[in-house]
PDB file of N, CA and C in Angstrom:
ATOM      1  N   UNK A   1      19.341   2.010  21.331  1.00  0.00           N
ATOM      2  CA  UNK A   1      19.346   0.689  20.825  1.00  0.00           C
ATOM      3  C   UNK A   1      19.631   0.723  19.329  1.00  0.00           C
ATOM      4  N   UNK A   2      20.641   1.491  18.948  1.00  0.00           N
ATOM      5  CA  UNK A   2      20.921   1.464  17.544  1.00  0.00           C
ATOM      6  C   UNK A   2      21.496   0.173  17.008  1.00  0.00           C
ATOM      7  N   UNK A   3      21.389  -0.091  15.796  1.00  0.00           N
ATOM      8  CA  UNK A   3      21.754  -1.453  15.376  1.00  0.00           C
ATOM      9  C   UNK A   3      22.214  -1.277  13.857  1.00  0.00           C
ATOM     10  N   UNK A   4      23.033  -2.037  13.395  1.00  0.00           N
ATOM     11  CA  UNK A   4      23.516  -2.230  11.910  1.00  0.00           C
ATOM     12  C   UNK A   4      22.862  -3.211  11.201  1.00  0.00           C
ATOM     13  N   UNK A   5      21.691  -3.545  11.540  1.00  0.00           N
ATOM     14  CA  UNK A   5      20.869  -4.363  10.647  1.00  0.00           C
ATOM     15  C   UNK A   5      21.079  -4.150   9.212  1.00  0.00           C
ATOM     16  N   UNK A   6      21.262  -5.113   8.326  1.00  0.00           N
ATOM     17  CA  UNK A   6      21.175  -4.949   6.890  1.00  0.00           C
ATOM     18  C   UNK A   6      19.732  -4.954   6.638  1.00  0.00           C
ATOM     19  N   UNK A   7      19.209  -4.038   5.903  1.00  0.00           N
ATOM     20  CA  UNK A   7      17.900  -3.858   5.493  1.00  0.00           C
ATOM     21  C   UNK A   7      17.843  -3.971   4.005  1.00  0.00           C
ATOM     22  N   UNK A   8      16.935  -4.936   3.599  1.00  0.00           N
ATOM     23  CA  UNK A   8      16.615  -5.312   2.217  1.00  0.00           C
ATOM     24  C   UNK A   8      15.194  -4.781   1.715  1.00  0.00           C
ATOM     25  N   UNK A   9      15.191  -4.152   0.619  1.00  0.00           N
ATOM     26  CA  UNK A   9      13.792  -3.770   0.031  1.00  0.00           C
ATOM     27  C   UNK A   9      13.362  -4.629  -1.192  1.00  0.00           C
ATOM     28  N   UNK A  10      12.153  -5.006  -1.209  1.00  0.00           N
ATOM     29  CA  UNK A  10      11.725  -5.769  -2.386  1.00  0.00           C
ATOM     30  C   UNK A  10      10.345  -5.087  -2.888  1.00  0.00           C
ATOM     31  N   UNK A  11      10.207  -5.103  -4.177  1.00  0.00           N
ATOM     32  CA  UNK A  11       8.962  -4.415  -4.726  1.00  0.00           C
ATOM     33  C   UNK A  11       8.280  -5.792  -5.409  1.00  0.00           C
ATOM     34  N   UNK A  12       7.091  -6.141  -4.963  1.00  0.00           N
ATOM     35  CA  UNK A  12       6.366  -7.248  -5.626  1.00  0.00           C
ATOM     36  C   UNK A  12       5.565  -6.853  -6.787  1.00  0.00           C
ATOM     37  N   UNK A  13       5.259  -7.848  -7.513  1.00  0.00           N
ATOM     38  CA  UNK A  13       4.521  -7.829  -8.823  1.00  0.00           C
ATOM     39  C   UNK A  13       3.146  -6.768  -8.588  1.00  0.00           C
ATOM     40  N   UNK A  14       2.629  -6.960  -7.265  1.00  0.00           N
ATOM     41  CA  UNK A  14       1.320  -6.046  -7.041  1.00  0.00           C
ATOM     42  C   UNK A  14       1.647  -4.635  -6.750  1.00  0.00           C
ATOM     43  N   UNK A  15       2.864  -4.335  -6.696  1.00  0.00           N
ATOM     44  CA  UNK A  15       3.261  -2.873  -6.471  1.00  0.00           C
ATOM     45  C   UNK A  15       3.480  -2.615  -4.987  1.00  0.00           C
ATOM     46  N   UNK A  16       3.236  -3.450  -4.161  1.00  0.00           N
ATOM     47  CA  UNK A  16       3.493  -3.491  -2.618  1.00  0.00           C
ATOM     48  C   UNK A  16       5.068  -3.633  -2.314  1.00  0.00           C
ATOM     49  N   UNK A  17       5.536  -3.086  -1.294  1.00  0.00           N
ATOM     50  CA  UNK A  17       6.805  -2.990  -0.908  1.00  0.00           C
ATOM     51  C   UNK A  17       7.130  -3.762   0.374  1.00  0.00           C
ATOM     52  N   UNK A  18       8.118  -4.663   0.362  1.00  0.00           N
ATOM     53  CA  UNK A  18       8.522  -5.286   1.647  1.00  0.00           C
ATOM     54  C   UNK A  18       9.916  -4.884   1.969  1.00  0.00           C
ATOM     55  N   UNK A  19      10.005  -4.344   3.258  1.00  0.00           N
ATOM     56  CA  UNK A  19      11.377  -4.075   3.729  1.00  0.00           C
ATOM     57  C   UNK A  19      11.669  -5.079   4.814  1.00  0.00           C
ATOM     58  N   UNK A  20      12.730  -5.610   4.897  1.00  0.00           N
ATOM     59  CA  UNK A  20      13.185  -6.697   5.917  1.00  0.00           C
ATOM     60  C   UNK A  20      14.548  -6.587   6.456  1.00  0.00           C
ATOM     61  N   UNK A  21      14.727  -7.070   7.644  1.00  0.00           N
ATOM     62  CA  UNK A  21      16.149  -7.076   8.193  1.00  0.00           C
ATOM     63  C   UNK A  21      16.003  -8.451   9.014  1.00  0.00           C
ATOM     64  N   UNK A  22      17.211  -8.965   9.565  1.00  0.00           N
ATOM     65  CA  UNK A  22      16.874 -10.073  10.455  1.00  0.00           C
ATOM     66  C   UNK A  22      16.088 -10.101  11.597  1.00  0.00           C
ATOM     67  N   UNK A  23      15.707  -8.738  11.986  1.00  0.00           N
ATOM     68  CA  UNK A  23      14.870  -8.685  13.321  1.00  0.00           C
ATOM     69  C   UNK A  23      13.680  -7.873  13.061  1.00  0.00           C
ATOM     70  N   UNK A  24      13.320  -7.513  11.687  1.00  0.00           N
ATOM     71  CA  UNK A  24      12.092  -6.859  11.472  1.00  0.00           C
ATOM     72  C   UNK A  24      11.633  -6.834  10.062  1.00  0.00           C
ATOM     73  N   UNK A  25      10.284  -6.419   9.846  1.00  0.00           N
ATOM     74  CA  UNK A  25       9.787  -6.360   8.637  1.00  0.00           C
ATOM     75  C   UNK A  25       8.543  -5.459   8.475  1.00  0.00           C
ATOM     76  N   UNK A  26       8.580  -4.932   7.250  1.00  0.00           N
ATOM     77  CA  UNK A  26       7.431  -3.919   7.020  1.00  0.00           C
ATOM     78  C   UNK A  26       6.833  -4.390   5.570  1.00  0.00           C
ATOM     79  N   UNK A  27       5.509  -4.212   5.420  1.00  0.00           N
ATOM     80  CA  UNK A  27       4.942  -4.616   4.358  1.00  0.00           C
ATOM     81  C   UNK A  27       4.095  -3.393   3.954  1.00  0.00           C
ATOM     82  N   UNK A  28       4.086  -2.811   2.890  1.00  0.00           N
ATOM     83  CA  UNK A  28       3.476  -1.633   2.616  1.00  0.00           C
ATOM     84  C   UNK A  28       2.854  -1.666   1.337  1.00  0.00           C
ATOM     85  N   UNK A  29       1.547  -1.156   1.260  1.00  0.00           N
ATOM     86  CA  UNK A  29       0.803  -1.488  -0.057  1.00  0.00           C
ATOM     87  C   UNK A  29      -0.315  -0.051  -0.064  1.00  0.00           C
ATOM     88  N   UNK A  30      -0.617   0.195  -1.293  1.00  0.00           N
ATOM     89  CA  UNK A  30      -1.676   1.188  -1.655  1.00  0.00           C
ATOM     90  C   UNK A  30      -3.069   0.439  -1.582  1.00  0.00           C
ATOM     91  N   UNK A  31      -3.926   0.913  -0.711  1.00  0.00           N
ATOM     92  CA  UNK A  31      -5.308   0.330  -0.595  1.00  0.00           C
ATOM     93  C   UNK A  31      -6.339   1.139  -1.483  1.00  0.00           C
ATOM     94  N   UNK A  32      -6.073   2.386  -1.782  1.00  0.00           N
ATOM     95  CA  UNK A  32      -6.892   3.232  -2.351  1.00  0.00           C
ATOM     96  C   UNK A  32      -6.008   4.595  -2.843  1.00  0.00           C
ATOM     97  N   UNK A  33      -6.297   5.267  -3.750  1.00  0.00           N
ATOM     98  CA  UNK A  33      -5.441   6.504  -4.047  1.00  0.00           C
ATOM     99  C   UNK A  33      -5.369   7.360  -2.695  1.00  0.00           C
ATOM    100  N   UNK A  34      -3.986   7.641  -2.472  1.00  0.00           N
ATOM    101  CA  UNK A  34      -3.703   8.381  -1.296  1.00  0.00           C
ATOM    102  C   UNK A  34      -3.933   7.702   0.132  1.00  0.00           C
ATOM    103  N   UNK A  35      -4.160   6.343   0.022  1.00  0.00           N
ATOM    104  CA  UNK A  35      -4.300   5.674   1.270  1.00  0.00           C
ATOM    105  C   UNK A  35      -3.395   4.442   1.214  1.00  0.00           C
ATOM    106  N   UNK A  36      -2.542   4.394   2.275  1.00  0.00           N
ATOM    107  CA  UNK A  36      -1.235   3.299   2.413  1.00  0.00           C
ATOM    108  C   UNK A  36      -1.654   2.481   3.519  1.00  0.00           C
ATOM    109  N   UNK A  37      -1.360   1.222   3.367  1.00  0.00           N
ATOM    110  CA  UNK A  37      -1.423   0.305   4.647  1.00  0.00           C
ATOM    111  C   UNK A  37       0.024  -0.096   4.712  1.00  0.00           C
ATOM    112  N   UNK A  38       0.402  -0.061   6.154  1.00  0.00           N
ATOM    113  CA  UNK A  38       1.812  -0.610   6.618  1.00  0.00           C
ATOM    114  C   UNK A  38       1.376  -1.570   7.523  1.00  0.00           C
ATOM    115  N   UNK A  39       2.153  -2.747   7.261  1.00  0.00           N
ATOM    116  CA  UNK A  39       2.198  -3.931   8.505  1.00  0.00           C
ATOM    117  C   UNK A  39       3.581  -4.038   9.026  1.00  0.00           C
ATOM    118  N   UNK A  40       3.683  -3.665  10.310  1.00  0.00           N
ATOM    119  CA  UNK A  40       5.043  -3.603  10.852  1.00  0.00           C
ATOM    120  C   UNK A  40       5.216  -4.615  12.005  1.00  0.00           C
ATOM    121  N   UNK A  41       6.409  -5.299  11.856  1.00  0.00           N
ATOM    122  CA  UNK A  41       6.631  -6.334  12.779  1.00  0.00           C
ATOM    123  C   UNK A  41       8.122  -6.279  13.154  1.00  0.00           C
ATOM    124  N   UNK A  42       8.396  -6.879  14.537  1.00  0.00           N
ATOM    125  CA  UNK A  42       9.730  -6.825  14.979  1.00  0.00           C
ATOM    126  C   UNK A  42      10.490  -5.513  15.492  1.00  0.00           C
ATOM    127  N   UNK A  43      11.723  -5.409  15.113  1.00  0.00           N
ATOM    128  CA  UNK A  43      12.349  -4.121  15.484  1.00  0.00           C
ATOM    129  C   UNK A  43      12.900  -3.429  14.193  1.00  0.00           C
ATOM    130  N   UNK A  44      12.714  -2.093  14.162  1.00  0.00           N
ATOM    131  CA  UNK A  44      13.124  -1.315  13.072  1.00  0.00           C
ATOM    132  C   UNK A  44      14.356  -0.387  13.522  1.00  0.00           C
ATOM    133  N   UNK A  45      15.451  -0.659  12.687  1.00  0.00           N
ATOM    134  CA  UNK A  45      16.635   0.226  12.910  1.00  0.00           C
ATOM    135  C   UNK A  45      16.602   1.372  11.920  1.00  0.00           C
ATOM    136  N   UNK A  46      17.414   2.225  12.044  1.00  0.00           N
ATOM    137  CA  UNK A  46      17.186   3.487  11.260  1.00  0.00           C
ATOM    138  C   UNK A  46      17.107   3.227   9.747  1.00  0.00           C
ATOM    139  N   UNK A  47      17.805   2.097   9.420  1.00  0.00           N
ATOM    140  CA  UNK A  47      17.834   1.601   7.986  1.00  0.00           C
ATOM    141  C   UNK A  47      16.444   1.354   7.315  1.00  0.00           C
ATOM    142  N   UNK A  48      15.356   1.263   8.177  1.00  0.00           N
ATOM    143  CA  UNK A  48      14.110   1.017   7.650  1.00  0.00           C
ATOM    144  C   UNK A  48      13.516   2.503   7.055  1.00  0.00           C
ATOM    145  N   UNK A  49      13.779   3.583   7.716  1.00  0.00           N
ATOM    146  CA  UNK A  49      13.367   4.778   7.263  1.00  0.00           C
ATOM    147  C   UNK A  49      13.320   5.097   5.860  1.00  0.00           C
ATOM    148  N   UNK A  50      14.546   5.061   5.200  1.00  0.00           N
ATOM    149  CA  UNK A  50      14.444   5.492   3.840  1.00  0.00           C
ATOM    150  C   UNK A  50      13.493   4.821   2.911  1.00  0.00           C
ATOM    151  N   UNK A  51      13.418   3.429   2.944  1.00  0.00           N
ATOM    152  CA  UNK A  51      12.570   2.785   2.072  1.00  0.00           C
ATOM    153  C   UNK A  51      11.001   2.752   2.311  1.00  0.00           C
ATOM    154  N   UNK A  52      10.808   2.970   3.692  1.00  0.00           N
ATOM    155  CA  UNK A  52       9.395   3.160   4.112  1.00  0.00           C
ATOM    156  C   UNK A  52       8.832   4.633   3.962  1.00  0.00           C
ATOM    157  N   UNK A  53       9.812   5.617   4.026  1.00  0.00           N
ATOM    158  CA  UNK A  53       9.135   7.054   3.664  1.00  0.00           C
ATOM    159  C   UNK A  53       9.115   7.176   2.152  1.00  0.00           C
ATOM    160  N   UNK A  54      10.050   6.498   1.439  1.00  0.00           N
ATOM    161  CA  UNK A  54       9.809   6.472  -0.047  1.00  0.00           C
ATOM    162  C   UNK A  54       8.488   6.259  -0.560  1.00  0.00           C
ATOM    163  N   UNK A  55       7.912   5.145   0.118  1.00  0.00           N
ATOM    164  CA  UNK A  55       6.567   4.794  -0.222  1.00  0.00           C
ATOM    165  C   UNK A  55       5.538   5.870   0.037  1.00  0.00           C
ATOM    166  N   UNK A  56       5.615   6.480   1.144  1.00  0.00           N
ATOM    167  CA  UNK A  56       4.527   7.652   1.444  1.00  0.00           C
ATOM    168  C   UNK A  56       4.941   8.933   0.594  1.00  0.00           C
ATOM    169  N   UNK A  57       6.281   9.081   0.521  1.00  0.00           N
ATOM    170  CA  UNK A  57       6.565  10.388  -0.319  1.00  0.00           C
ATOM    171  C   UNK A  57       6.210  10.253  -1.767  1.00  0.00           C
ATOM    172  N   UNK A  58       6.219   8.988  -2.318  1.00  0.00           N
ATOM    173  CA  UNK A  58       5.702   8.710  -3.729  1.00  0.00           C
ATOM    174  C   UNK A  58       4.437   9.025  -3.794  1.00  0.00           C
ATOM    175  N   UNK A  59       3.544   8.680  -2.895  1.00  0.00           N
ATOM    176  CA  UNK A  59       2.186   8.946  -2.827  1.00  0.00           C
ATOM    177  C   UNK A  59       1.848  10.442  -2.652  1.00  0.00           C
ATOM    178  N   UNK A  60       2.514  10.970  -1.769  1.00  0.00           N
ATOM    179  CA  UNK A  60       2.543  12.344  -1.502  1.00  0.00           C
ATOM    180  C   UNK A  60       2.685  13.193  -2.788  1.00  0.00           C
ATOM    181  N   UNK A  61       3.694  12.743  -3.390  1.00  0.00           N
ATOM    182  CA  UNK A  61       4.123  13.612  -4.601  1.00  0.00           C
ATOM    183  C   UNK A  61       3.223  13.378  -5.846  1.00  0.00           C
ATOM    184  N   UNK A  62       2.587  12.402  -5.856  1.00  0.00           N
ATOM    185  CA  UNK A  62       1.439  12.122  -6.792  1.00  0.00           C
ATOM    186  C   UNK A  62       0.210  12.589  -6.682  1.00  0.00           C
ATOM    187  N   UNK A  63      -0.227  12.555  -5.288  1.00  0.00           N
ATOM    188  CA  UNK A  63      -1.638  13.047  -5.034  1.00  0.00           C
ATOM    189  C   UNK A  63      -1.791  14.273  -4.118  1.00  0.00           C
ATOM    190  N   UNK A  64      -0.706  14.628  -3.432  1.00  0.00           N
ATOM    191  CA  UNK A  64      -0.776  15.832  -2.647  1.00  0.00           C
ATOM    192  C   UNK A  64      -1.088  15.547  -1.249  1.00  0.00           C
ATOM    193  N   UNK A  65      -1.616  14.405  -0.900  1.00  0.00           N
ATOM    194  CA  UNK A  65      -1.748  14.082   0.542  1.00  0.00           C
ATOM    195  C   UNK A  65      -1.690  12.529   0.608  1.00  0.00           C
ATOM    196  N   UNK A  66      -1.608  12.122   1.814  1.00  0.00           N
ATOM    197  CA  UNK A  66      -1.401  10.611   2.001  1.00  0.00           C
ATOM    198  C   UNK A  66      -2.000  10.298   3.527  1.00  0.00           C
ATOM    199  N   UNK A  67      -2.857   9.208   3.622  1.00  0.00           N
ATOM    200  CA  UNK A  67      -3.374   8.696   4.847  1.00  0.00           C
ATOM    201  C   UNK A  67      -2.569   7.452   4.927  1.00  0.00           C
ATOM    202  N   UNK A  68      -2.041   7.152   6.143  1.00  0.00           N
ATOM    203  CA  UNK A  68      -1.332   5.865   6.401  1.00  0.00           C
ATOM    204  C   UNK A  68      -2.168   5.190   7.413  1.00  0.00           C
ATOM    205  N   UNK A  69      -2.407   4.018   7.196  1.00  0.00           N
ATOM    206  CA  UNK A  69      -3.010   3.155   8.250  1.00  0.00           C
ATOM    207  C   UNK A  69      -1.970   2.006   8.366  1.00  0.00           C
ATOM    208  N   UNK A  70      -1.541   2.156   9.747  1.00  0.00           N
ATOM    209  CA  UNK A  70      -0.399   1.134  10.390  1.00  0.00           C
ATOM    210  C   UNK A  70      -0.949   0.290  11.249  1.00  0.00           C
ATOM    211  N   UNK A  71      -0.617  -0.897  11.043  1.00  0.00           N
ATOM    212  CA  UNK A  71      -0.839  -2.137  11.913  1.00  0.00           C
ATOM    213  C   UNK A  71       0.563  -2.307  12.466  1.00  0.00           C
ATOM    214  N   UNK A  72       0.811  -1.805  13.814  1.00  0.00           N
ATOM    215  CA  UNK A  72       2.142  -2.094  14.388  1.00  0.00           C
ATOM    216  C   UNK A  72       1.999  -2.859  15.648  1.00  0.00           C
ATOM    217  N   UNK A  73       0.982  -3.708  15.710  1.00  0.00           N
ATOM    218  CA  UNK A  73       0.742  -4.563  16.844  1.00  0.00           C
ATOM    219  C   UNK A  73       1.783  -5.500  16.964  1.00  0.00           C
ATOM    220  N   UNK A  74       2.560  -5.920  15.970  1.00  0.00           N
ATOM    221  CA  UNK A  74       3.689  -6.928  16.144  1.00  0.00           C
ATOM    222  C   UNK A  74       4.980  -6.174  16.163  1.00  0.00           C
ATOM    223  N   UNK A  75       5.063  -4.816  16.166  1.00  0.00           N
ATOM    224  CA  UNK A  75       6.196  -4.103  16.029  1.00  0.00           C
ATOM    225  C   UNK A  75       6.622  -4.116  17.612  1.00  0.00           C
ATOM    226  N   UNK A  76       7.959  -4.383  17.929  1.00  0.00           N
ATOM    227  CA  UNK A  76       8.315  -4.868  19.372  1.00  0.00           C
ATOM    228  C   UNK A  76       9.138  -3.333  19.677  1.00  0.00           C
ATOM    229  N   UNK A  77       9.957  -2.777  18.740  1.00  0.00           N
ATOM    230  CA  UNK A  77      10.781  -1.632  19.139  1.00  0.00           C
ATOM    231  C   UNK A  77      11.347  -0.870  17.901  1.00  0.00           C
ATOM    232  N   UNK A  78      11.768   0.456  17.974  1.00  0.00           N
ATOM    233  CA  UNK A  78      12.158   1.124  16.982  1.00  0.00           C
ATOM    234  C   UNK A  78      13.476   1.862  17.555  1.00  0.00           C
ATOM    235  N   UNK A  79      14.521   2.186  16.726  1.00  0.00           N
ATOM    236  CA  UNK A  79      15.497   2.821  17.328  1.00  0.00           C
ATOM    237  C   UNK A  79      15.376   4.342  17.180  1.00  0.00           C
ATOM    238  N   UNK A  80      16.075   5.238  17.932  1.00  0.00           N
ATOM    239  CA  UNK A  80      15.849   6.561  18.009  1.00  0.00           C
ATOM    240  C   UNK A  80      15.996   7.222  16.698  1.00  0.00           C
ATOM    241  N   UNK A  81      17.180   6.832  15.762  1.00  0.00           N
ATOM    242  CA  UNK A  81      17.290   7.506  14.408  1.00  0.00           C
ATOM    243  C   UNK A  81      16.007   7.202  13.499  1.00  0.00           C
ATOM    244  N   UNK A  82      15.349   6.085  13.670  1.00  0.00           N
ATOM    245  CA  UNK A  82      14.165   5.955  12.920  1.00  0.00           C
ATOM    246  C   UNK A  82      12.980   6.884  13.316  1.00  0.00           C
ATOM    247  N   UNK A  83      12.879   6.840  14.355  1.00  0.00           N
ATOM    248  CA  UNK A  83      11.766   7.623  15.219  1.00  0.00           C
ATOM    249  C   UNK A  83      12.012   9.208  14.827  1.00  0.00           C
ATOM    250  N   UNK A  84      13.204   9.647  15.028  1.00  0.00           N
ATOM    251  CA  UNK A  84      13.435  11.091  14.700  1.00  0.00           C
ATOM    252  C   UNK A  84      13.240  11.455  13.255  1.00  0.00           C
ATOM    253  N   UNK A  85      13.788  10.493  12.334  1.00  0.00           N
ATOM    254  CA  UNK A  85      13.661  10.730  10.998  1.00  0.00           C
ATOM    255  C   UNK A  85      12.031  10.872  10.557  1.00  0.00           C
ATOM    256  N   UNK A  86      11.267  10.046  10.965  1.00  0.00           N
ATOM    257  CA  UNK A  86       9.838  10.126  10.638  1.00  0.00           C
ATOM    258  C   UNK A  86       9.247  11.345  11.323  1.00  0.00           C
ATOM    259  N   UNK A  87       9.542  11.559  12.534  1.00  0.00           N
ATOM    260  CA  UNK A  87       8.998  13.024  13.188  1.00  0.00           C
ATOM    261  C   UNK A  87       9.425  13.928  12.194  1.00  0.00           C
ATOM    262  N   UNK A  88      10.333  14.266  11.752  1.00  0.00           N
ATOM    263  CA  UNK A  88      10.848  15.313  10.900  1.00  0.00           C
ATOM    264  C   UNK A  88      10.108  15.421   9.548  1.00  0.00           C
ATOM    265  N   UNK A  89       9.694  14.178   8.981  1.00  0.00           N
ATOM    266  CA  UNK A  89       8.930  13.950   7.828  1.00  0.00           C
ATOM    267  C   UNK A  89       7.561  14.501   8.087  1.00  0.00           C
ATOM    268  N   UNK A  90       6.899  13.964   9.433  1.00  0.00           N
ATOM    269  CA  UNK A  90       5.571  14.234   9.785  1.00  0.00           C
ATOM    270  C   UNK A  90       5.270  15.744   9.817  1.00  0.00           C
ATOM    271  N   UNK A  91       6.356  16.514  10.309  1.00  0.00           N
ATOM    272  CA  UNK A  91       6.428  17.816  10.670  1.00  0.00           C
ATOM    273  C   UNK A  91       6.152  18.615   9.263  1.00  0.00           C
ATOM    274  N   UNK A  92       7.077  18.162   8.392  1.00  0.00           N
ATOM    275  CA  UNK A  92       7.084  18.766   6.890  1.00  0.00           C
ATOM    276  C   UNK A  92       5.812  18.625   6.247  1.00  0.00           C
ATOM    277  N   UNK A  93       4.951  17.497   6.670  1.00  0.00           N
ATOM    278  CA  UNK A  93       3.849  17.198   5.888  1.00  0.00           C
ATOM    279  C   UNK A  93       2.497  17.310   6.710  1.00  0.00           C
ATOM    280  N   UNK A  94       2.572  17.946   7.889  1.00  0.00           N
ATOM    281  CA  UNK A  94       1.517  17.838   8.917  1.00  0.00           C
ATOM    282  C   UNK A  94       0.136  18.514   8.369  1.00  0.00           C
ATOM    283  N   UNK A  95       0.168  19.300   7.206  1.00  0.00           N
ATOM    284  CA  UNK A  95      -1.002  19.688   6.474  1.00  0.00           C
ATOM    285  C   UNK A  95      -1.758  18.679   5.497  1.00  0.00           C
ATOM    286  N   UNK A  96      -0.992  17.794   5.223  1.00  0.00           N
ATOM    287  CA  UNK A  96      -1.344  16.922   4.069  1.00  0.00           C
ATOM    288  C   UNK A  96      -1.045  15.477   4.263  1.00  0.00           C
ATOM    289  N   UNK A  97      -1.114  15.037   5.714  1.00  0.00           N
ATOM    290  CA  UNK A  97      -0.624  13.825   6.029  1.00  0.00           C
ATOM    291  C   UNK A  97      -1.445  13.486   7.325  1.00  0.00           C
ATOM    292  N   UNK A  98      -2.015  12.245   7.447  1.00  0.00           N
ATOM    293  CA  UNK A  98      -2.738  11.610   8.629  1.00  0.00           C
ATOM    294  C   UNK A  98      -2.146  10.255   8.575  1.00  0.00           C
ATOM    295  N   UNK A  99      -2.093   9.776   9.977  1.00  0.00           N
ATOM    296  CA  UNK A  99      -1.843   8.397  10.355  1.00  0.00           C
ATOM    297  C   UNK A  99      -2.928   7.910  11.261  1.00  0.00           C
ATOM    298  N   UNK A 100      -3.315   6.735  10.972  1.00  0.00           N
ATOM    299  CA  UNK A 100      -4.079   5.843  11.929  1.00  0.00           C
ATOM    300  C   UNK A 100      -3.302   4.633  12.341  1.00  0.00           C
ATOM    301  N   UNK A 101      -2.899   4.658  13.630  1.00  0.00           N
ATOM    302  CA  UNK A 101      -2.116   3.487  14.209  1.00  0.00           C
ATOM    303  C   UNK A 101      -3.052   2.579  14.678  1.00  0.00           C
TER     304      UNK A 101
END
């Protein structure tokens, strides 16, 4: 179910990041050093991957590890490209990364 949704990224004054398309949204913020909270809703096309992984990668680069707390209760679906891209990132960082869904 690939889509060409236009994905827009905004960084808010508190440092949190919002990624949106007409069919989905993600709000990501740091809740403690090395701990990120992601709230996900709707449908994620592959275009969501780059801005969402950038938040995690920045934290990883600064601190060497990251824990992601993900609220995906309102996430209805993701496309294959999005899932596959995250899977590759997870594999690269499996020793320094944890996720709680």
